[in-house]
Amino acid sequence: MTRSIHDCYSEISADPGKETQYRFLPVRERKRANMTRHGKNCTAGAVYTYHEKKKDTAASGYGTQSLRLGKDAIKDFDCCCLSLQPCRDPVITLDGYIYEKEAILKYILHQKTDIAKKMKAYEKQKQALKSEGQLESKERERAEKFKERENNIVSKPINPFTSGKSKDEGNQASSSSSNSSAGEDSTASALPSFWIPSLTPESKPTLLKKPSKTVLCPMSGHPLKMSDLIPVRFTPLDPSLDRVALLTRQDRYVCAVTKDTLGNSVPCAVLRPSGVVVTMECVEKLIQKDMVNPITGDKLKEKDIIPMERGGTGFAGSGVDLKAKEARPVMQA
């Protein structure tokens, strides 16, 4: 079998000013050069790797996908939980979630308006059911009165020229025919119709449940009141900078006592009476010894120290669940 020179040699330099040089290829490289694309990709392996499985799952559209979030997908500790923007007038709840004051007040107002609408619809449904119950009770009374009147009517005297058996058989036949016709009418009226929209089984309106009047926190799900919102005072890193210049910096705020830089990797707490933000290290080493506010000198209680809920840092040891899951339909044989 004849081979060309390019099967055994490869070009080293193809400079037009220099003479073209070749080097001799080993047997393995010569075989690999003659392999097809299928052989180079090695798609005939018996092992179904994790990477191939993940790639096929993403392309198929079935199965639950999980993805680890990075630092860009996590909000900063000083950002609002609703608008996800740095807070201008921050407030904190008793559970430690920070909100922009304007955003959380709009949320509470919207929830109260929604609750009022639901309560109005529930009261309207309640009145409608009550009126329907009264109509049904009146119809039942009318039917019972009609039955009593019919039972009080005296029947005609028995004809002595007719036998009792024939009359009984005729009565039984008439009663059975009337019962069968009444049963057919009742079943015909009771059966639903799947081609008439007003008679379908799903055409009945669903009953509304009585709504709760309490407004819930969008993050914790606990009851939220306007009196529970505590103003927060951050200590800026450089007081001379304006707001725009402060927001462009990565490190914006510091602890009010130790002047340590605050961030998602630093556990923080808010002191309830003054609203200043300090690190948890400062709380454990300084404040919890005598329970005195180092800024104002006021006495503190355990409920006055509110730990702040912060976002993750992108690392596994941040203590925050950084996985996002997407549930999709599963194919079953």
C-alpha atoms as a PDB file:
ATOM      1  CA  MET A   1       0.000   0.000   0.000  1.00  0.00           C
ATOM      2  CA  THR A   2       1.599   3.256  -1.081  1.00  0.00           C
ATOM      3  CA  ARG A   3       1.580   6.337   1.162  1.00  0.00           C
ATOM      4  CA  SER A   4       2.302   9.933   0.282  1.00  0.00           C
ATOM      5  CA  ILE A   5       5.033  11.915   1.958  1.00  0.00           C
ATOM      6  CA  HIS A   6       2.528  13.857   4.013  1.00  0.00           C
ATOM      7  CA  ASP A   7       1.383  10.614   5.697  1.00  0.00           C
ATOM      8  CA  CYS A   8       4.808  10.070   7.220  1.00  0.00           C
ATOM      9  CA  TYR A   9       6.111  13.667   7.530  1.00  0.00           C
ATOM     10  CA  SER A  10       4.721  16.968   8.754  1.00  0.00           C
ATOM     11  CA  GLU A  11       5.859  20.504   8.025  1.00  0.00           C
ATOM     12  CA  ILE A  12       7.809  22.252  10.771  1.00  0.00           C
ATOM     13  CA  SER A  13       8.272  25.676   9.146  1.00  0.00           C
ATOM     14  CA  ALA A  14       6.513  27.130   6.155  1.00  0.00           C
ATOM     15  CA  ASP A  15       8.366  30.456   6.002  1.00  0.00           C
ATOM     16  CA  PRO A  16       8.622  31.586   2.347  1.00  0.00           C
ATOM     17  CA  GLY A  17      12.144  32.913   2.967  1.00  0.00           C
ATOM     18  CA  LYS A  18      13.367  29.612   4.341  1.00  0.00           C
ATOM     19  CA  GLU A  19      13.452  26.125   3.011  1.00  0.00           C
ATOM     20  CA  THR A  20      10.500  23.983   4.150  1.00  0.00           C
ATOM     21  CA  GLN A  21      11.493  21.450   6.786  1.00  0.00           C
ATOM     22  CA  TYR A  22       9.779  18.158   7.595  1.00  0.00           C
ATOM     23  CA  ARG A  23       9.902  15.869  10.584  1.00  0.00           C
ATOM     24  CA  PHE A  24       9.148  12.159  10.667  1.00  0.00           C
ATOM     25  CA  LEU A  25       5.866  11.218  12.423  1.00  0.00           C
ATOM     26  CA  PRO A  26       5.681   8.206  14.766  1.00  0.00           C
ATOM     27  CA  VAL A  27       3.283   5.358  14.089  1.00  0.00           C
ATOM     28  CA  ARG A  28       0.678   6.560  16.654  1.00  0.00           C
ATOM     29  CA  GLU A  29       0.540  10.056  15.245  1.00  0.00           C
ATOM     30  CA  ARG A  30       0.261   8.664  11.720  1.00  0.00           C
ATOM     31  CA  LYS A  31      -2.709   6.498  12.789  1.00  0.00           C
ATOM     32  CA  ARG A  32      -4.337   9.430  14.619  1.00  0.00           C
ATOM     33  CA  ALA A  33      -3.955  11.629  11.552  1.00  0.00           C
ATOM     34  CA  ASN A  34      -5.843   9.058   9.478  1.00  0.00           C
ATOM     35  CA  MET A  35      -8.662   8.628  12.079  1.00  0.00           C
ATOM     36  CA  THR A  36     -12.175   9.855  11.392  1.00  0.00           C
ATOM     37  CA  ARG A  37     -13.905  12.609  13.380  1.00  0.00           C
ATOM     38  CA  HIS A  38     -16.013  10.034  15.244  1.00  0.00           C
ATOM     39  CA  GLY A  39     -12.886   8.322  16.487  1.00  0.00           C
ATOM     40  CA  LYS A  40     -11.281  11.589  17.545  1.00  0.00           C
ATOM     41  CA  ASN A  41     -14.333  12.613  19.600  1.00  0.00           C
ATOM     42  CA  CYS A  42     -14.386   9.192  21.259  1.00  0.00           C
ATOM     43  CA  THR A  43     -18.180   8.924  21.273  1.00  0.00           C
ATOM     44  CA  ALA A  44     -18.149   5.120  21.300  1.00  0.00           C
ATOM     45  CA  GLY A  45     -17.186   4.857  24.988  1.00  0.00           C
ATOM     46  CA  ALA A  46     -19.123   2.460  27.220  1.00  0.00           C
ATOM     47  CA  VAL A  47     -19.130   4.904  30.173  1.00  0.00           C
ATOM     48  CA  TYR A  48     -21.837   7.613  30.340  1.00  0.00           C
ATOM     49  CA  THR A  49     -19.934  10.428  32.033  1.00  0.00           C
ATOM     50  CA  TYR A  50     -21.424  12.995  34.412  1.00  0.00           C
ATOM     51  CA  HIS A  51     -20.658  15.819  31.992  1.00  0.00           C
ATOM     52  CA  GLU A  52     -22.493  14.055  29.157  1.00  0.00           C
ATOM     53  CA  LYS A  53     -25.473  13.336  31.412  1.00  0.00           C
ATOM     54  CA  LYS A  54     -25.679  16.960  32.553  1.00  0.00           C
ATOM     55  CA  LYS A  55     -25.425  18.200  28.985  1.00  0.00           C
ATOM     56  CA  ASP A  56     -28.144  15.827  27.755  1.00  0.00           C
ATOM     57  CA  THR A  57     -30.428  16.746  30.669  1.00  0.00           C
ATOM     58  CA  ALA A  58     -30.113  20.434  29.862  1.00  0.00           C
ATOM     59  CA  ALA A  59     -30.885  19.820  26.192  1.00  0.00           C
ATOM     60  CA  SER A  60     -33.790  17.401  26.733  1.00  0.00           C
ATOM     61  CA  GLY A  61     -36.053  19.751  28.720  1.00  0.00           C
ATOM     62  CA  TYR A  62     -36.858  17.079  31.339  1.00  0.00           C
ATOM     63  CA  GLY A  63     -35.649  16.454  34.862  1.00  0.00           C
ATOM     64  CA  THR A  64     -34.799  18.803  37.732  1.00  0.00           C
ATOM     65  CA  GLN A  65     -31.807  21.017  37.171  1.00  0.00           C
ATOM     66  CA  SER A  66     -29.722  22.462  40.006  1.00  0.00           C
ATOM     67  CA  LEU A  67     -27.269  25.302  39.579  1.00  0.00           C
ATOM     68  CA  ARG A  68     -24.936  26.872  42.093  1.00  0.00           C
ATOM     69  CA  LEU A  69     -25.302  30.634  42.283  1.00  0.00           C
ATOM     70  CA  GLY A  70     -22.310  32.905  42.026  1.00  0.00           C
ATOM     71  CA  LYS A  71     -21.551  36.150  43.789  1.00  0.00           C
ATOM     72  CA  ASP A  72     -23.252  38.205  41.086  1.00  0.00           C
ATOM     73  CA  ALA A  73     -26.598  36.531  41.803  1.00  0.00           C
ATOM     74  CA  ILE A  74     -26.583  37.478  45.523  1.00  0.00           C
ATOM     75  CA  LYS A  75     -27.669  40.831  46.895  1.00  0.00           C
ATOM     76  CA  ASP A  76     -25.432  42.879  49.158  1.00  0.00           C
ATOM     77  CA  PHE A  77     -26.136  43.194  52.875  1.00  0.00           C
ATOM     78  CA  ASP A  78     -27.241  46.869  52.529  1.00  0.00           C
ATOM     79  CA  CYS A  79     -29.665  46.304  49.623  1.00  0.00           C
ATOM     80  CA  CYS A  80     -33.444  46.214  49.890  1.00  0.00           C
ATOM     81  CA  CYS A  81     -35.041  42.760  49.767  1.00  0.00           C
ATOM     82  CA  LEU A  82     -37.785  44.073  47.448  1.00  0.00           C
ATOM     83  CA  SER A  83     -36.039  46.455  45.065  1.00  0.00           C
ATOM     84  CA  LEU A  84     -32.585  44.771  45.324  1.00  0.00           C
ATOM     85  CA  GLN A  85     -31.008  48.247  45.227  1.00  0.00           C
ATOM     86  CA  PRO A  86     -28.879  50.011  47.868  1.00  0.00           C
ATOM     87  CA  CYS A  87     -31.196  51.570  50.450  1.00  0.00           C
ATOM     88  CA  ARG A  88     -31.520  55.335  50.823  1.00  0.00           C
ATOM     89  CA  ASP A  89     -33.734  55.205  53.926  1.00  0.00           C
ATOM     90  CA  PRO A  90     -33.254  51.648  55.230  1.00  0.00           C
ATOM     91  CA  VAL A  91     -35.482  49.996  57.827  1.00  0.00           C
ATOM     92  CA  ILE A  92     -35.131  46.547  59.358  1.00  0.00           C
ATOM     93  CA  THR A  93     -37.735  44.099  60.642  1.00  0.00           C
ATOM     94  CA  LEU A  94     -37.515  42.084  63.843  1.00  0.00           C
ATOM     95  CA  ASP A  95     -36.404  39.078  61.745  1.00  0.00           C
ATOM     96  CA  GLY A  96     -33.368  40.977  60.424  1.00  0.00           C
ATOM     97  CA  TYR A  97     -34.459  41.724  56.828  1.00  0.00           C
ATOM     98  CA  ILE A  98     -33.609  45.161  55.423  1.00  0.00           C
ATOM     99  CA  TYR A  99     -36.057  47.086  53.228  1.00  0.00           C
ATOM    100  CA  GLU A 100     -36.251  50.483  51.635  1.00  0.00           C
ATOM    101  CA  LYS A 101     -38.807  52.416  53.668  1.00  0.00           C
ATOM    102  CA  GLU A 102     -40.749  53.570  50.611  1.00  0.00           C
ATOM    103  CA  ALA A 103     -40.816  50.064  49.092  1.00  0.00           C
ATOM    104  CA  ILE A 104     -41.992  48.277  52.248  1.00  0.00           C
ATOM    105  CA  LEU A 105     -44.688  50.906  52.937  1.00  0.00           C
ATOM    106  CA  LYS A 106     -45.991  50.487  49.382  1.00  0.00           C
ATOM    107  CA  TYR A 107     -45.997  46.725  49.898  1.00  0.00           C
ATOM    108  CA  ILE A 108     -47.976  46.992  53.162  1.00  0.00           C
ATOM    109  CA  LEU A 109     -50.489  49.375  51.560  1.00  0.00           C
ATOM    110  CA  HIS A 110     -50.912  47.064  48.557  1.00  0.00           C
ATOM    111  CA  GLN A 111     -51.437  44.045  50.812  1.00  0.00           C
ATOM    112  CA  LYS A 112     -54.068  45.866  52.901  1.00  0.00           C
ATOM    113  CA  THR A 113     -55.922  46.937  49.752  1.00  0.00           C
ATOM    114  CA  ASP A 114     -55.814  43.370  48.430  1.00  0.00           C
ATOM    115  CA  ILE A 115     -57.085  42.004  51.745  1.00  0.00           C
ATOM    116  CA  ALA A 116     -59.959  44.528  51.723  1.00  0.00           C
ATOM    117  CA  LYS A 117     -60.957  43.416  48.188  1.00  0.00           C
ATOM    118  CA  LYS A 118     -60.878  39.747  49.174  1.00  0.00           C
ATOM    119  CA  MET A 119     -62.903  40.442  52.323  1.00  0.00           C
ATOM    120  CA  LYS A 120     -65.508  42.340  50.295  1.00  0.00           C
ATOM    121  CA  ALA A 121     -65.822  39.454  47.825  1.00  0.00           C
ATOM    122  CA  TYR A 122     -66.110  36.995  50.726  1.00  0.00           C
ATOM    123  CA  GLU A 123     -68.903  39.017  52.382  1.00  0.00           C
ATOM    124  CA  LYS A 124     -70.727  39.238  49.044  1.00  0.00           C
ATOM    125  CA  GLN A 125     -70.484  35.463  48.636  1.00  0.00           C
ATOM    126  CA  LYS A 126     -71.681  34.992  52.210  1.00  0.00           C
ATOM    127  CA  GLN A 127     -74.785  37.110  51.583  1.00  0.00           C
ATOM    128  CA  ALA A 128     -75.492  35.252  48.338  1.00  0.00           C
ATOM    129  CA  LEU A 129     -75.272  31.865  50.072  1.00  0.00           C
ATOM    130  CA  LYS A 130     -77.510  33.123  52.854  1.00  0.00           C
ATOM    131  CA  SER A 131     -80.153  34.308  50.388  1.00  0.00           C
ATOM    132  CA  GLU A 132     -79.940  30.991  48.504  1.00  0.00           C
ATOM    133  CA  GLY A 133     -80.430  29.133  51.776  1.00  0.00           C
ATOM    134  CA  GLN A 134     -83.507  31.238  52.579  1.00  0.00           C
ATOM    135  CA  LEU A 135     -84.974  30.553  49.128  1.00  0.00           C
ATOM    136  CA  GLU A 136     -84.376  26.838  49.528  1.00  0.00           C
ATOM    137  CA  SER A 137     -86.040  26.844  52.944  1.00  0.00           C
ATOM    138  CA  LYS A 138     -89.079  28.676  51.510  1.00  0.00           C
ATOM    139  CA  GLU A 139     -89.343  26.189  48.646  1.00  0.00           C
ATOM    140  CA  ARG A 140     -89.146  23.299  51.093  1.00  0.00           C
ATOM    141  CA  GLU A 141     -91.942  24.816  53.192  1.00  0.00           C
ATOM    142  CA  ARG A 142     -94.094  25.231  50.086  1.00  0.00           C
ATOM    143  CA  ALA A 143     -93.476  21.610  49.044  1.00  0.00           C
ATOM    144  CA  GLU A 144     -94.335  20.327  52.527  1.00  0.00           C
ATOM    145  CA  LYS A 145     -97.558  22.378  52.627  1.00  0.00           C
ATOM    146  CA  PHE A 146     -98.515  21.060  49.193  1.00  0.00           C
ATOM    147  CA  LYS A 147     -97.963  17.468  50.329  1.00  0.00           C
ATOM    148  CA  GLU A 148    -100.092  18.041  53.423  1.00  0.00           C
ATOM    149  CA  ARG A 149    -102.929  19.461  51.330  1.00  0.00           C
ATOM    150  CA  GLU A 150    -102.763  16.549  48.918  1.00  0.00           C
ATOM    151  CA  ASN A 151    -102.836  14.010  51.728  1.00  0.00           C
ATOM    152  CA  ASN A 152    -105.900  15.668  53.287  1.00  0.00           C
ATOM    153  CA  ILE A 153    -107.970  15.278  50.102  1.00  0.00           C
ATOM    154  CA  VAL A 154    -110.576  12.472  50.512  1.00  0.00           C
ATOM    155  CA  SER A 155    -110.321   9.776  47.859  1.00  0.00           C
ATOM    156  CA  LYS A 156    -113.292   8.622  45.768  1.00  0.00           C
ATOM    157  CA  PRO A 157    -115.368   5.626  46.988  1.00  0.00           C
ATOM    158  CA  ILE A 158    -114.378   2.217  45.721  1.00  0.00           C
ATOM    159  CA  ASN A 159    -116.362   0.900  42.781  1.00  0.00           C
ATOM    160  CA  PRO A 160    -117.986  -2.359  43.943  1.00  0.00           C
ATOM    161  CA  PHE A 161    -118.258  -3.715  40.399  1.00  0.00           C
ATOM    162  CA  THR A 162    -114.450  -3.844  39.903  1.00  0.00           C
ATOM    163  CA  SER A 163    -112.249  -6.472  41.531  1.00  0.00           C
ATOM    164  CA  GLY A 164    -109.664  -5.393  44.086  1.00  0.00           C
ATOM    165  CA  LYS A 165    -106.852  -7.270  42.325  1.00  0.00           C
ATOM    166  CA  SER A 166    -107.255  -5.490  39.017  1.00  0.00           C
ATOM    167  CA  LYS A 167    -107.368  -2.114  40.792  1.00  0.00           C
ATOM    168  CA  ASP A 168    -104.291  -2.923  42.822  1.00  0.00           C
ATOM    169  CA  GLU A 169    -102.451  -4.081  39.704  1.00  0.00           C
ATOM    170  CA  GLY A 170    -103.469  -0.907  37.875  1.00  0.00           C
ATOM    171  CA  ASN A 171    -102.354   1.243  40.774  1.00  0.00           C
ATOM    172  CA  GLN A 172     -99.017  -0.583  40.938  1.00  0.00           C
ATOM    173  CA  ALA A 173     -98.512  -0.220  37.173  1.00  0.00           C
ATOM    174  CA  SER A 174     -99.404   3.467  37.240  1.00  0.00           C
ATOM    175  CA  SER A 175     -97.196   4.078  40.274  1.00  0.00           C
ATOM    176  CA  SER A 176     -94.257   2.200  38.701  1.00  0.00           C
ATOM    177  CA  SER A 177     -94.667   4.097  35.413  1.00  0.00           C
ATOM    178  CA  SER A 178     -94.893   7.422  37.244  1.00  0.00           C
ATOM    179  CA  ASN A 179     -91.860   6.516  39.363  1.00  0.00           C
ATOM    180  CA  SER A 180     -89.839   5.483  36.300  1.00  0.00           C
ATOM    181  CA  SER A 181     -90.779   8.678  34.450  1.00  0.00           C
ATOM    182  CA  ALA A 182     -89.956  10.792  37.517  1.00  0.00           C
ATOM    183  CA  GLY A 183     -86.650   8.943  37.936  1.00  0.00           C
ATOM    184  CA  GLU A 184     -85.781   9.507  34.285  1.00  0.00           C
ATOM    185  CA  ASP A 185     -86.628  13.201  34.582  1.00  0.00           C
ATOM    186  CA  SER A 186     -84.565  13.556  37.748  1.00  0.00           C
ATOM    187  CA  THR A 187     -81.574  11.728  36.270  1.00  0.00           C
ATOM    188  CA  ALA A 188     -81.850  13.691  33.037  1.00  0.00           C
ATOM    189  CA  SER A 189     -81.876  16.979  34.955  1.00  0.00           C
ATOM    190  CA  ALA A 190     -79.090  15.858  37.325  1.00  0.00           C
ATOM    191  CA  LEU A 191     -76.622  14.582  34.737  1.00  0.00           C
ATOM    192  CA  PRO A 192     -74.036  17.178  33.658  1.00  0.00           C
ATOM    193  CA  SER A 193     -73.601  18.179  30.051  1.00  0.00           C
ATOM    194  CA  PHE A 194     -70.055  18.454  28.711  1.00  0.00           C
ATOM    195  CA  TRP A 195     -70.979  20.471  25.596  1.00  0.00           C
ATOM    196  CA  ILE A 196     -73.110  23.180  27.249  1.00  0.00           C
ATOM    197  CA  PRO A 197     -70.864  25.567  29.253  1.00  0.00           C
ATOM    198  CA  SER A 198     -73.518  26.295  31.876  1.00  0.00           C
ATOM    199  CA  LEU A 199     -74.038  22.601  32.667  1.00  0.00           C
ATOM    200  CA  THR A 200     -70.441  21.388  32.823  1.00  0.00           C
ATOM    201  CA  PRO A 201     -69.250  20.059  36.202  1.00  0.00           C
ATOM    202  CA  GLU A 202     -66.567  22.759  36.415  1.00  0.00           C
ATOM    203  CA  SER A 203     -68.966  25.627  35.751  1.00  0.00           C
ATOM    204  CA  LYS A 204     -69.854  26.029  39.426  1.00  0.00           C
ATOM    205  CA  PRO A 205     -68.027  28.945  41.069  1.00  0.00           C
ATOM    206  CA  THR A 206     -65.442  28.002  43.646  1.00  0.00           C
ATOM    207  CA  LEU A 207     -66.167  29.044  47.205  1.00  0.00           C
ATOM    208  CA  LEU A 208     -63.869  31.721  48.600  1.00  0.00           C
ATOM    209  CA  LYS A 209     -62.199  31.233  51.962  1.00  0.00           C
ATOM    210  CA  LYS A 210     -62.184  33.937  54.580  1.00  0.00           C
ATOM    211  CA  PRO A 211     -58.953  35.931  54.041  1.00  0.00           C
ATOM    212  CA  SER A 212     -56.574  36.704  56.856  1.00  0.00           C
ATOM    213  CA  LYS A 213     -56.309  40.365  57.829  1.00  0.00           C
ATOM    214  CA  THR A 214     -52.650  40.181  58.855  1.00  0.00           C
ATOM    215  CA  VAL A 215     -49.935  41.454  56.504  1.00  0.00           C
ATOM    216  CA  LEU A 216     -47.033  39.000  56.169  1.00  0.00           C
ATOM    217  CA  CYS A 217     -43.372  39.787  55.606  1.00  0.00           C
ATOM    218  CA  PRO A 218     -42.397  38.899  52.003  1.00  0.00           C
ATOM    219  CA  MET A 219     -39.163  37.253  53.160  1.00  0.00           C
ATOM    220  CA  SER A 220     -39.859  35.556  56.501  1.00  0.00           C
ATOM    221  CA  GLY A 221     -43.624  35.044  56.159  1.00  0.00           C
ATOM    222  CA  HIS A 222     -44.219  36.322  59.715  1.00  0.00           C
ATOM    223  CA  PRO A 223     -46.798  39.028  60.593  1.00  0.00           C
ATOM    224  CA  LEU A 224     -45.511  42.503  59.767  1.00  0.00           C
ATOM    225  CA  LYS A 225     -46.642  45.833  61.213  1.00  0.00           C
ATOM    226  CA  MET A 226     -45.511  49.367  60.526  1.00  0.00           C
ATOM    227  CA  SER A 227     -44.528  49.744  64.173  1.00  0.00           C
ATOM    228  CA  ASP A 228     -42.082  46.832  63.790  1.00  0.00           C
ATOM    229  CA  LEU A 229     -39.961  48.693  61.218  1.00  0.00           C
ATOM    230  CA  ILE A 230     -36.789  50.026  62.850  1.00  0.00           C
ATOM    231  CA  PRO A 231     -34.713  52.754  61.115  1.00  0.00           C
ATOM    232  CA  VAL A 232     -31.117  51.736  60.312  1.00  0.00           C
ATOM    233  CA  ARG A 233     -28.138  54.097  60.410  1.00  0.00           C
ATOM    234  CA  PHE A 234     -25.097  52.919  58.458  1.00  0.00           C
ATOM    235  CA  THR A 235     -21.710  54.482  59.193  1.00  0.00           C
ATOM    236  CA  PRO A 236     -20.090  55.422  55.836  1.00  0.00           C
ATOM    237  CA  LEU A 237     -16.484  54.541  55.160  1.00  0.00           C
ATOM    238  CA  ASP A 238     -15.663  58.100  54.050  1.00  0.00           C
ATOM    239  CA  PRO A 239     -18.152  60.750  55.269  1.00  0.00           C
ATOM    240  CA  SER A 240     -16.794  63.293  52.766  1.00  0.00           C
ATOM    241  CA  LEU A 241     -18.107  61.308  49.763  1.00  0.00           C
ATOM    242  CA  ASP A 242     -21.569  61.999  48.379  1.00  0.00           C
ATOM    243  CA  ARG A 243     -24.132  59.237  47.800  1.00  0.00           C
ATOM    244  CA  VAL A 244     -23.277  58.583  44.138  1.00  0.00           C
ATOM    245  CA  ALA A 245     -19.566  58.309  44.846  1.00  0.00           C
ATOM    246  CA  LEU A 246     -20.283  56.112  47.882  1.00  0.00           C
ATOM    247  CA  LEU A 247     -22.420  53.643  45.891  1.00  0.00           C
ATOM    248  CA  THR A 248     -19.724  53.178  43.253  1.00  0.00           C
ATOM    249  CA  ARG A 249     -17.314  51.880  45.883  1.00  0.00           C
ATOM    250  CA  GLN A 250     -17.224  48.204  46.784  1.00  0.00           C
ATOM    251  CA  ASP A 251     -16.663  48.868  50.499  1.00  0.00           C
ATOM    252  CA  ARG A 252     -19.187  51.476  51.592  1.00  0.00           C
ATOM    253  CA  TYR A 253     -19.874  51.108  55.308  1.00  0.00           C
ATOM    254  CA  VAL A 254     -17.962  50.302  58.493  1.00  0.00           C
ATOM    255  CA  CYS A 255     -18.834  49.218  62.027  1.00  0.00           C
ATOM    256  CA  ALA A 256     -19.868  52.156  64.214  1.00  0.00           C
ATOM    257  CA  VAL A 257     -17.595  50.988  67.071  1.00  0.00           C
ATOM    258  CA  THR A 258     -14.616  49.048  65.683  1.00  0.00           C
ATOM    259  CA  LYS A 259     -14.559  50.737  62.227  1.00  0.00           C
ATOM    260  CA  ASP A 260     -14.235  47.341  60.522  1.00  0.00           C
ATOM    261  CA  THR A 261     -15.405  47.204  56.924  1.00  0.00           C
ATOM    262  CA  LEU A 262     -18.849  45.633  56.534  1.00  0.00           C
ATOM    263  CA  GLY A 263     -19.787  43.143  53.822  1.00  0.00           C
ATOM    264  CA  ASN A 264     -21.588  39.883  53.128  1.00  0.00           C
ATOM    265  CA  SER A 265     -18.755  37.943  54.737  1.00  0.00           C
ATOM    266  CA  VAL A 266     -19.030  39.893  58.027  1.00  0.00           C
ATOM    267  CA  PRO A 267     -21.960  39.034  60.355  1.00  0.00           C
ATOM    268  CA  CYS A 268     -23.637  42.259  61.485  1.00  0.00           C
ATOM    269  CA  ALA A 269     -26.316  43.356  63.942  1.00  0.00           C
ATOM    270  CA  VAL A 270     -28.492  46.432  64.440  1.00  0.00           C
ATOM    271  CA  LEU A 271     -28.913  48.000  67.885  1.00  0.00           C
ATOM    272  CA  ARG A 272     -32.620  48.710  68.207  1.00  0.00           C
ATOM    273  CA  PRO A 273     -32.739  52.033  70.165  1.00  0.00           C
ATOM    274  CA  SER A 274     -30.178  53.903  68.045  1.00  0.00           C
ATOM    275  CA  GLY A 275     -30.317  51.901  64.788  1.00  0.00           C
ATOM    276  CA  VAL A 276     -26.510  51.767  64.378  1.00  0.00           C
ATOM    277  CA  VAL A 277     -24.916  48.790  62.644  1.00  0.00           C
ATOM    278  CA  VAL A 278     -22.108  46.909  64.394  1.00  0.00           C
ATOM    279  CA  THR A 279     -20.362  43.606  63.802  1.00  0.00           C
ATOM    280  CA  MET A 280     -21.357  40.470  65.702  1.00  0.00           C
ATOM    281  CA  GLU A 281     -17.783  40.262  66.975  1.00  0.00           C
ATOM    282  CA  CYS A 282     -18.267  43.662  68.618  1.00  0.00           C
ATOM    283  CA  VAL A 283     -21.556  42.465  70.105  1.00  0.00           C
ATOM    284  CA  GLU A 284     -20.016  39.313  71.571  1.00  0.00           C
ATOM    285  CA  LYS A 285     -16.813  40.904  72.907  1.00  0.00           C
ATOM    286  CA  LEU A 286     -17.957  44.381  73.994  1.00  0.00           C
ATOM    287  CA  ILE A 287     -21.716  44.893  74.148  1.00  0.00           C
ATOM    288  CA  GLN A 288     -22.894  41.624  75.729  1.00  0.00           C
ATOM    289  CA  LYS A 289     -20.582  42.063  78.730  1.00  0.00           C
ATOM    290  CA  ASP A 290     -22.430  45.003  80.288  1.00  0.00           C
ATOM    291  CA  MET A 291     -25.377  45.355  77.783  1.00  0.00           C
ATOM    292  CA  VAL A 292     -24.741  49.063  77.227  1.00  0.00           C
ATOM    293  CA  ASN A 293     -24.935  50.836  73.879  1.00  0.00           C
ATOM    294  CA  PRO A 294     -21.370  52.095  73.242  1.00  0.00           C
ATOM    295  CA  ILE A 295     -22.669  54.953  71.066  1.00  0.00           C
ATOM    296  CA  THR A 296     -25.410  56.440  73.275  1.00  0.00           C
ATOM    297  CA  GLY A 297     -24.711  54.758  76.635  1.00  0.00           C
ATOM    298  CA  ASP A 298     -28.279  53.388  76.959  1.00  0.00           C
ATOM    299  CA  LYS A 299     -29.072  50.050  78.541  1.00  0.00           C
ATOM    300  CA  LEU A 300     -29.840  47.240  76.122  1.00  0.00           C
ATOM    301  CA  LYS A 301     -31.881  44.050  76.263  1.00  0.00           C
ATOM    302  CA  GLU A 302     -31.472  40.835  74.313  1.00  0.00           C
ATOM    303  CA  LYS A 303     -34.356  41.747  71.985  1.00  0.00           C
ATOM    304  CA  ASP A 304     -32.650  45.082  71.189  1.00  0.00           C
ATOM    305  CA  ILE A 305     -29.853  43.273  69.317  1.00  0.00           C
ATOM    306  CA  ILE A 306     -31.207  42.268  65.891  1.00  0.00           C
ATOM    307  CA  PRO A 307     -28.876  40.097  63.733  1.00  0.00           C
ATOM    308  CA  MET A 308     -28.966  41.151  60.088  1.00  0.00           C
ATOM    309  CA  GLU A 309     -29.822  38.637  57.373  1.00  0.00           C
ATOM    310  CA  ARG A 310     -27.122  38.920  54.733  1.00  0.00           C
ATOM    311  CA  GLY A 311     -26.503  37.375  51.346  1.00  0.00           C
ATOM    312  CA  GLY A 312     -23.879  34.761  50.577  1.00  0.00           C
ATOM    313  CA  THR A 313     -20.357  35.322  49.340  1.00  0.00           C
ATOM    314  CA  GLY A 314     -20.246  32.644  46.651  1.00  0.00           C
ATOM    315  CA  PHE A 315     -18.226  30.280  48.843  1.00  0.00           C
ATOM    316  CA  ALA A 316     -19.554  27.064  50.367  1.00  0.00           C
ATOM    317  CA  GLY A 317     -18.728  28.153  53.915  1.00  0.00           C
ATOM    318  CA  SER A 318     -20.888  31.285  53.856  1.00  0.00           C
ATOM    319  CA  GLY A 319     -23.752  29.476  55.597  1.00  0.00           C
ATOM    320  CA  VAL A 320     -26.297  30.377  52.911  1.00  0.00           C
ATOM    321  CA  ASP A 321     -28.013  27.973  50.535  1.00  0.00           C
ATOM    322  CA  LEU A 322     -26.621  29.051  47.161  1.00  0.00           C
ATOM    323  CA  LYS A 323     -28.377  26.472  44.981  1.00  0.00           C
ATOM    324  CA  ALA A 324     -31.091  27.277  42.496  1.00  0.00           C
ATOM    325  CA  LYS A 325     -33.367  24.424  41.399  1.00  0.00           C
ATOM    326  CA  GLU A 326     -35.722  24.250  38.449  1.00  0.00           C
ATOM    327  CA  ALA A 327     -38.341  21.502  38.582  1.00  0.00           C
ATOM    328  CA  ARG A 328     -39.291  20.235  35.143  1.00  0.00           C
ATOM    329  CA  PRO A 329     -41.440  17.290  33.992  1.00  0.00           C
ATOM    330  CA  VAL A 330     -39.874  13.838  34.260  1.00  0.00           C
ATOM    331  CA  MET A 331     -40.248  11.159  31.627  1.00  0.00           C
ATOM    332  CA  GLN A 332     -41.399   7.843  33.060  1.00  0.00           C
ATOM    333  CA  ALA A 333     -41.611   4.582  31.180  1.00  0.00           C
END
